[in-house]
Amino acid sequence: MVTLQRVQLQTLLLLLFVVHLSRPVCVDVASDTEAVLGNNMRLTCISCLKREEVKSTTTVNWYFTSKENENSTSSRIHIYKHEKGTSESVDGHFNGRLVWNGSQDLQDVSIWIVNVSESDRGFYECYVHRQFDFGGFIYDSLTNKNITLTVKEKASNDTTAIYSEIMMYVLLVFLTLWLLVEMVYCYRKISKSDEQAQDTAY
């Protein structure tokens, strides 16, 4: 019994140590490119920081070029700006329909388009400008992400997503069962060793 309690205590301490060391990880994920008419659409733009401990000032600008003028740089419209904790939606057909959806550390600088319309199809550009302060030395960095958005009347069935979800649940069930088998096996092994220790004691 003493051995079982010792194992449980060591496992608990190990889990606490792992949880303490774990930190959120930034993963660069591509944005969805298919919006449904009348629904909300998230335009994902992620710009990971390689060294989070370095002080930085971040400015985010979003631009839009309509489908008809996709090859013309002069028809590009500035639609959104986020700087120093404040967001500003520029006037135009997006006015009041763009909502900030970024993270506090400004690694995720995504926005939502509310109530998607036909005129929202086109080319979106996300510019992330950072100024890093290395104690007297300022370093500028510019990241650019491009999204070509199509608008459909109805959502299309994504078979890949369905299969992925099924596989995820199958894997979760398998891992849970495997963990239960391992726990039972370890418990029996510990019980046997305790019994042997008691027999030798007598």
C-alpha atoms as a PDB file:
ATOM      1  CA  MET A   1       0.000   0.000   0.000  1.00  0.00           C
ATOM      2  CA  VAL A   2       2.866   2.354   0.794  1.00  0.00           C
ATOM      3  CA  THR A   3       4.370   1.655  -2.653  1.00  0.00           C
ATOM      4  CA  LEU A   4       1.053   2.479  -4.389  1.00  0.00           C
ATOM      5  CA  GLN A   5       0.784   5.796  -2.545  1.00  0.00           C
ATOM      6  CA  ARG A   6       4.401   6.602  -3.436  1.00  0.00           C
ATOM      7  CA  VAL A   7       3.728   5.894  -7.150  1.00  0.00           C
ATOM      8  CA  GLN A   8       0.579   8.056  -7.116  1.00  0.00           C
ATOM      9  CA  LEU A   9       2.438  10.917  -5.425  1.00  0.00           C
ATOM     10  CA  GLN A  10       5.328  10.722  -7.914  1.00  0.00           C
ATOM     11  CA  THR A  11       2.888  10.672 -10.858  1.00  0.00           C
ATOM     12  CA  LEU A  12       1.043  13.693  -9.475  1.00  0.00           C
ATOM     13  CA  LEU A  13       4.283  15.635  -9.008  1.00  0.00           C
ATOM     14  CA  LEU A  14       5.386  14.745 -12.552  1.00  0.00           C
ATOM     15  CA  LEU A  15       2.071  15.952 -14.001  1.00  0.00           C
ATOM     16  CA  LEU A  16       2.282  19.218 -12.056  1.00  0.00           C
ATOM     17  CA  PHE A  17       5.836  19.734 -13.323  1.00  0.00           C
ATOM     18  CA  VAL A  18       4.795  19.136 -16.964  1.00  0.00           C
ATOM     19  CA  VAL A  19       1.791  21.496 -16.659  1.00  0.00           C
ATOM     20  CA  HIS A  20       4.005  24.176 -15.095  1.00  0.00           C
ATOM     21  CA  LEU A  21       6.557  23.942 -17.917  1.00  0.00           C
ATOM     22  CA  SER A  22       4.004  23.891 -20.734  1.00  0.00           C
ATOM     23  CA  ARG A  23       3.422  27.206 -22.499  1.00  0.00           C
ATOM     24  CA  PRO A  24       1.079  28.260 -25.322  1.00  0.00           C
ATOM     25  CA  VAL A  25       2.685  27.607 -28.703  1.00  0.00           C
ATOM     26  CA  CYS A  26       2.124  29.821 -31.737  1.00  0.00           C
ATOM     27  CA  VAL A  27       1.242  27.852 -34.875  1.00  0.00           C
ATOM     28  CA  ASP A  28       1.004  29.530 -38.279  1.00  0.00           C
ATOM     29  CA  VAL A  29      -2.345  28.352 -39.702  1.00  0.00           C
ATOM     30  CA  ALA A  30      -3.674  29.218 -43.164  1.00  0.00           C
ATOM     31  CA  SER A  31      -6.998  31.029 -43.335  1.00  0.00           C
ATOM     32  CA  ASP A  32     -10.212  29.541 -44.679  1.00  0.00           C
ATOM     33  CA  THR A  33     -10.903  30.851 -48.168  1.00  0.00           C
ATOM     34  CA  GLU A  34     -14.572  29.954 -48.604  1.00  0.00           C
ATOM     35  CA  ALA A  35     -17.283  32.138 -47.065  1.00  0.00           C
ATOM     36  CA  VAL A  36     -21.038  31.526 -47.011  1.00  0.00           C
ATOM     37  CA  LEU A  37     -23.375  34.341 -48.021  1.00  0.00           C
ATOM     38  CA  GLY A  38     -24.977  35.997 -44.976  1.00  0.00           C
ATOM     39  CA  ASN A  39     -22.732  34.202 -42.457  1.00  0.00           C
ATOM     40  CA  ASN A  40     -19.720  35.516 -40.541  1.00  0.00           C
ATOM     41  CA  MET A  41     -16.221  34.768 -41.876  1.00  0.00           C
ATOM     42  CA  ARG A  42     -12.923  34.744 -39.981  1.00  0.00           C
ATOM     43  CA  LEU A  43      -9.896  35.922 -41.955  1.00  0.00           C
ATOM     44  CA  THR A  44      -6.983  34.253 -40.169  1.00  0.00           C
ATOM     45  CA  CYS A  45      -3.640  36.028 -40.058  1.00  0.00           C
ATOM     46  CA  ILE A  46      -0.960  34.694 -37.701  1.00  0.00           C
ATOM     47  CA  SER A  47       2.500  36.190 -37.285  1.00  0.00           C
ATOM     48  CA  CYS A  48       4.489  34.239 -34.684  1.00  0.00           C
ATOM     49  CA  LEU A  49       7.121  35.935 -32.535  1.00  0.00           C
ATOM     50  CA  LYS A  50      10.426  34.063 -32.434  1.00  0.00           C
ATOM     51  CA  ARG A  51      11.576  35.820 -29.268  1.00  0.00           C
ATOM     52  CA  GLU A  52       8.633  36.865 -27.107  1.00  0.00           C
ATOM     53  CA  GLU A  53      10.845  38.384 -24.421  1.00  0.00           C
ATOM     54  CA  VAL A  54      11.985  41.189 -26.783  1.00  0.00           C
ATOM     55  CA  LYS A  55       9.888  44.371 -26.512  1.00  0.00           C
ATOM     56  CA  SER A  56       8.001  45.137 -29.714  1.00  0.00           C
ATOM     57  CA  THR A  57       5.446  47.597 -31.081  1.00  0.00           C
ATOM     58  CA  THR A  58       2.991  46.021 -33.513  1.00  0.00           C
ATOM     59  CA  THR A  59       0.824  47.674 -36.167  1.00  0.00           C
ATOM     60  CA  VAL A  60      -1.637  45.629 -38.237  1.00  0.00           C
ATOM     61  CA  ASN A  61      -3.157  46.782 -41.539  1.00  0.00           C
ATOM     62  CA  TRP A  62      -5.695  44.927 -43.671  1.00  0.00           C
ATOM     63  CA  TYR A  63      -6.233  45.707 -47.368  1.00  0.00           C
ATOM     64  CA  PHE A  64      -8.871  44.541 -49.855  1.00  0.00           C
ATOM     65  CA  THR A  65      -8.939  44.303 -53.643  1.00  0.00           C
ATOM     66  CA  SER A  66     -12.220  43.290 -55.279  1.00  0.00           C
ATOM     67  CA  LYS A  67     -12.383  40.282 -57.615  1.00  0.00           C
ATOM     68  CA  GLU A  68     -12.899  42.529 -60.643  1.00  0.00           C
ATOM     69  CA  ASN A  69      -9.776  44.613 -59.869  1.00  0.00           C
ATOM     70  CA  GLU A  70      -7.534  41.803 -58.553  1.00  0.00           C
ATOM     71  CA  ASN A  71      -4.676  42.592 -60.954  1.00  0.00           C
ATOM     72  CA  SER A  72      -4.728  46.338 -60.263  1.00  0.00           C
ATOM     73  CA  THR A  73      -2.695  47.560 -57.246  1.00  0.00           C
ATOM     74  CA  SER A  74      -4.218  51.064 -57.494  1.00  0.00           C
ATOM     75  CA  SER A  75      -7.688  49.728 -56.602  1.00  0.00           C
ATOM     76  CA  ARG A  76      -6.468  48.289 -53.292  1.00  0.00           C
ATOM     77  CA  ILE A  77      -8.525  49.617 -50.349  1.00  0.00           C
ATOM     78  CA  HIS A  78      -7.291  50.038 -46.761  1.00  0.00           C
ATOM     79  CA  ILE A  79     -10.096  48.438 -44.721  1.00  0.00           C
ATOM     80  CA  TYR A  80      -8.764  47.928 -41.176  1.00  0.00           C
ATOM     81  CA  LYS A  81      -6.042  49.103 -38.802  1.00  0.00           C
ATOM     82  CA  HIS A  82      -5.015  47.937 -35.316  1.00  0.00           C
ATOM     83  CA  GLU A  83      -2.379  49.948 -33.445  1.00  0.00           C
ATOM     84  CA  LYS A  84      -1.509  50.469 -29.768  1.00  0.00           C
ATOM     85  CA  GLY A  85      -4.505  48.450 -28.564  1.00  0.00           C
ATOM     86  CA  THR A  86      -7.075  50.334 -30.625  1.00  0.00           C
ATOM     87  CA  SER A  87      -8.840  49.124 -33.764  1.00  0.00           C
ATOM     88  CA  GLU A  88     -10.185  51.241 -36.572  1.00  0.00           C
ATOM     89  CA  SER A  89     -12.472  50.075 -39.370  1.00  0.00           C
ATOM     90  CA  VAL A  90     -12.049  52.312 -42.423  1.00  0.00           C
ATOM     91  CA  ASP A  91     -15.153  53.664 -44.191  1.00  0.00           C
ATOM     92  CA  GLY A  92     -16.503  51.813 -47.220  1.00  0.00           C
ATOM     93  CA  HIS A  93     -18.765  48.822 -47.811  1.00  0.00           C
ATOM     94  CA  PHE A  94     -17.021  47.089 -44.857  1.00  0.00           C
ATOM     95  CA  ASN A  95     -17.967  49.865 -42.434  1.00  0.00           C
ATOM     96  CA  GLY A  96     -19.312  48.338 -39.195  1.00  0.00           C
ATOM     97  CA  ARG A  97     -18.838  44.779 -40.474  1.00  0.00           C
ATOM     98  CA  LEU A  98     -15.207  44.163 -39.478  1.00  0.00           C
ATOM     99  CA  VAL A  99     -14.486  42.939 -35.938  1.00  0.00           C
ATOM    100  CA  TRP A 100     -11.058  42.419 -34.343  1.00  0.00           C
ATOM    101  CA  ASN A 101     -10.393  38.770 -33.392  1.00  0.00           C
ATOM    102  CA  GLY A 102      -6.681  38.865 -32.561  1.00  0.00           C
ATOM    103  CA  SER A 103      -4.855  37.638 -29.473  1.00  0.00           C
ATOM    104  CA  GLN A 104      -3.550  39.832 -26.661  1.00  0.00           C
ATOM    105  CA  ASP A 105       0.094  39.161 -27.574  1.00  0.00           C
ATOM    106  CA  LEU A 106      -0.648  40.145 -31.217  1.00  0.00           C
ATOM    107  CA  GLN A 107       0.646  36.907 -32.699  1.00  0.00           C
ATOM    108  CA  ASP A 108      -2.873  36.192 -33.966  1.00  0.00           C
ATOM    109  CA  VAL A 109      -4.106  39.326 -35.772  1.00  0.00           C
ATOM    110  CA  SER A 110      -7.254  37.916 -37.385  1.00  0.00           C
ATOM    111  CA  ILE A 111     -10.503  39.764 -38.133  1.00  0.00           C
ATOM    112  CA  TRP A 112     -14.134  38.751 -38.646  1.00  0.00           C
ATOM    113  CA  ILE A 113     -16.306  39.848 -41.560  1.00  0.00           C
ATOM    114  CA  VAL A 114     -19.880  40.081 -40.261  1.00  0.00           C
ATOM    115  CA  ASN A 115     -22.756  39.212 -42.626  1.00  0.00           C
ATOM    116  CA  VAL A 116     -20.730  38.292 -45.728  1.00  0.00           C
ATOM    117  CA  SER A 117     -22.010  39.744 -49.024  1.00  0.00           C
ATOM    118  CA  GLU A 118     -21.221  39.048 -52.692  1.00  0.00           C
ATOM    119  CA  SER A 119     -19.065  42.181 -52.858  1.00  0.00           C
ATOM    120  CA  ASP A 120     -16.712  40.717 -50.196  1.00  0.00           C
ATOM    121  CA  ARG A 121     -15.203  38.219 -52.641  1.00  0.00           C
ATOM    122  CA  GLY A 122     -11.681  39.186 -53.644  1.00  0.00           C
ATOM    123  CA  PHE A 123      -8.107  39.467 -52.466  1.00  0.00           C
ATOM    124  CA  TYR A 124      -7.225  40.319 -48.831  1.00  0.00           C
ATOM    125  CA  GLU A 125      -3.794  41.309 -47.548  1.00  0.00           C
ATOM    126  CA  CYS A 126      -2.704  41.319 -43.920  1.00  0.00           C
ATOM    127  CA  TYR A 127       0.406  43.392 -43.113  1.00  0.00           C
ATOM    128  CA  VAL A 128       2.016  43.025 -39.688  1.00  0.00           C
ATOM    129  CA  HIS A 129       4.677  45.654 -38.966  1.00  0.00           C
ATOM    130  CA  ARG A 130       6.793  45.138 -35.845  1.00  0.00           C
ATOM    131  CA  GLN A 131       9.439  47.362 -34.294  1.00  0.00           C
ATOM    132  CA  PHE A 132      11.718  45.426 -31.942  1.00  0.00           C
ATOM    133  CA  ASP A 133      13.610  47.330 -29.251  1.00  0.00           C
ATOM    134  CA  PHE A 134      16.969  45.713 -28.461  1.00  0.00           C
ATOM    135  CA  GLY A 135      17.947  48.343 -25.874  1.00  0.00           C
ATOM    136  CA  GLY A 136      18.804  51.264 -28.118  1.00  0.00           C
ATOM    137  CA  PHE A 137      18.781  49.395 -31.432  1.00  0.00           C
ATOM    138  CA  ILE A 138      15.434  49.314 -33.305  1.00  0.00           C
ATOM    139  CA  TYR A 139      14.778  46.518 -35.805  1.00  0.00           C
ATOM    140  CA  ASP A 140      11.841  46.677 -38.256  1.00  0.00           C
ATOM    141  CA  SER A 141      10.030  43.562 -39.474  1.00  0.00           C
ATOM    142  CA  LEU A 142       7.166  43.325 -41.998  1.00  0.00           C
ATOM    143  CA  THR A 143       5.081  40.177 -42.516  1.00  0.00           C
ATOM    144  CA  ASN A 144       2.520  39.847 -45.292  1.00  0.00           C
ATOM    145  CA  LYS A 145      -0.260  37.221 -45.600  1.00  0.00           C
ATOM    146  CA  ASN A 146      -2.551  36.903 -48.628  1.00  0.00           C
ATOM    147  CA  ILE A 147      -6.069  35.435 -48.701  1.00  0.00           C
ATOM    148  CA  THR A 148      -8.232  34.963 -51.811  1.00  0.00           C
ATOM    149  CA  LEU A 149     -11.829  34.784 -50.604  1.00  0.00           C
ATOM    150  CA  THR A 150     -14.688  33.177 -52.527  1.00  0.00           C
ATOM    151  CA  VAL A 151     -18.335  33.606 -51.513  1.00  0.00           C
ATOM    152  CA  LYS A 152     -20.883  30.793 -51.949  1.00  0.00           C
ATOM    153  CA  GLU A 153     -24.607  30.676 -51.333  1.00  0.00           C
ATOM    154  CA  LYS A 154     -24.406  27.386 -49.408  1.00  0.00           C
ATOM    155  CA  ALA A 155     -21.571  25.713 -47.514  1.00  0.00           C
ATOM    156  CA  SER A 156     -20.022  22.796 -49.402  1.00  0.00           C
ATOM    157  CA  ASN A 157     -19.483  19.463 -47.641  1.00  0.00           C
ATOM    158  CA  ASP A 158     -15.832  19.026 -46.726  1.00  0.00           C
ATOM    159  CA  THR A 159     -15.272  15.250 -46.709  1.00  0.00           C
ATOM    160  CA  THR A 160     -11.707  15.662 -45.459  1.00  0.00           C
ATOM    161  CA  ALA A 161     -12.920  17.447 -42.322  1.00  0.00           C
ATOM    162  CA  ILE A 162     -15.539  14.729 -41.691  1.00  0.00           C
ATOM    163  CA  TYR A 163     -12.974  11.916 -42.032  1.00  0.00           C
ATOM    164  CA  SER A 164     -10.506  13.806 -39.828  1.00  0.00           C
ATOM    165  CA  GLU A 165     -13.126  14.231 -37.102  1.00  0.00           C
ATOM    166  CA  ILE A 166     -14.060  10.521 -37.210  1.00  0.00           C
ATOM    167  CA  MET A 167     -10.385   9.503 -37.021  1.00  0.00           C
ATOM    168  CA  MET A 168      -9.842  11.877 -34.108  1.00  0.00           C
ATOM    169  CA  TYR A 169     -12.664  10.269 -32.090  1.00  0.00           C
ATOM    170  CA  VAL A 170     -11.468   6.740 -32.950  1.00  0.00           C
ATOM    171  CA  LEU A 171      -7.954   7.668 -31.821  1.00  0.00           C
ATOM    172  CA  LEU A 172      -9.276   9.215 -28.570  1.00  0.00           C
ATOM    173  CA  VAL A 173     -11.272   6.059 -27.756  1.00  0.00           C
ATOM    174  CA  PHE A 174      -8.259   3.845 -28.535  1.00  0.00           C
ATOM    175  CA  LEU A 175      -5.888   5.934 -26.379  1.00  0.00           C
ATOM    176  CA  THR A 176      -8.384   6.008 -23.489  1.00  0.00           C
ATOM    177  CA  LEU A 177      -8.755   2.216 -23.565  1.00  0.00           C
ATOM    178  CA  TRP A 178      -4.986   1.777 -23.786  1.00  0.00           C
ATOM    179  CA  LEU A 179      -4.522   4.070 -20.785  1.00  0.00           C
ATOM    180  CA  LEU A 180      -7.083   2.088 -18.755  1.00  0.00           C
ATOM    181  CA  VAL A 181      -5.345  -1.208 -19.595  1.00  0.00           C
ATOM    182  CA  GLU A 182      -1.982   0.267 -18.561  1.00  0.00           C
ATOM    183  CA  MET A 183      -3.429   1.566 -15.277  1.00  0.00           C
ATOM    184  CA  VAL A 184      -4.968  -1.839 -14.440  1.00  0.00           C
ATOM    185  CA  TYR A 185      -1.694  -3.587 -15.328  1.00  0.00           C
ATOM    186  CA  CYS A 186       0.369  -1.213 -13.157  1.00  0.00           C
ATOM    187  CA  TYR A 187      -2.107  -1.491 -10.269  1.00  0.00           C
ATOM    188  CA  ARG A 188      -1.940  -5.319 -10.346  1.00  0.00           C
ATOM    189  CA  LYS A 189       1.840  -5.260 -10.526  1.00  0.00           C
ATOM    190  CA  ILE A 190       2.075  -2.912  -7.538  1.00  0.00           C
ATOM    191  CA  SER A 191      -0.462  -5.003  -5.582  1.00  0.00           C
ATOM    192  CA  LYS A 192       1.583  -8.177  -6.200  1.00  0.00           C
ATOM    193  CA  SER A 193       4.806  -6.504  -5.087  1.00  0.00           C
ATOM    194  CA  ASP A 194       3.053  -5.265  -1.927  1.00  0.00           C
ATOM    195  CA  GLU A 195       1.777  -8.773  -1.194  1.00  0.00           C
ATOM    196  CA  GLN A 196       5.265 -10.218  -1.682  1.00  0.00           C
ATOM    197  CA  ALA A 197       6.739  -7.564   0.597  1.00  0.00           C
ATOM    198  CA  GLN A 198       4.166  -8.404   3.303  1.00  0.00           C
ATOM    199  CA  ASP A 199       4.854 -12.174   2.953  1.00  0.00           C
ATOM    200  CA  THR A 200       8.611 -11.691   3.363  1.00  0.00           C
ATOM    201  CA  ALA A 201       7.979  -9.398   6.356  1.00  0.00           C
ATOM    202  CA  TYR A 202       6.099 -12.205   8.128  1.00  0.00           C
END
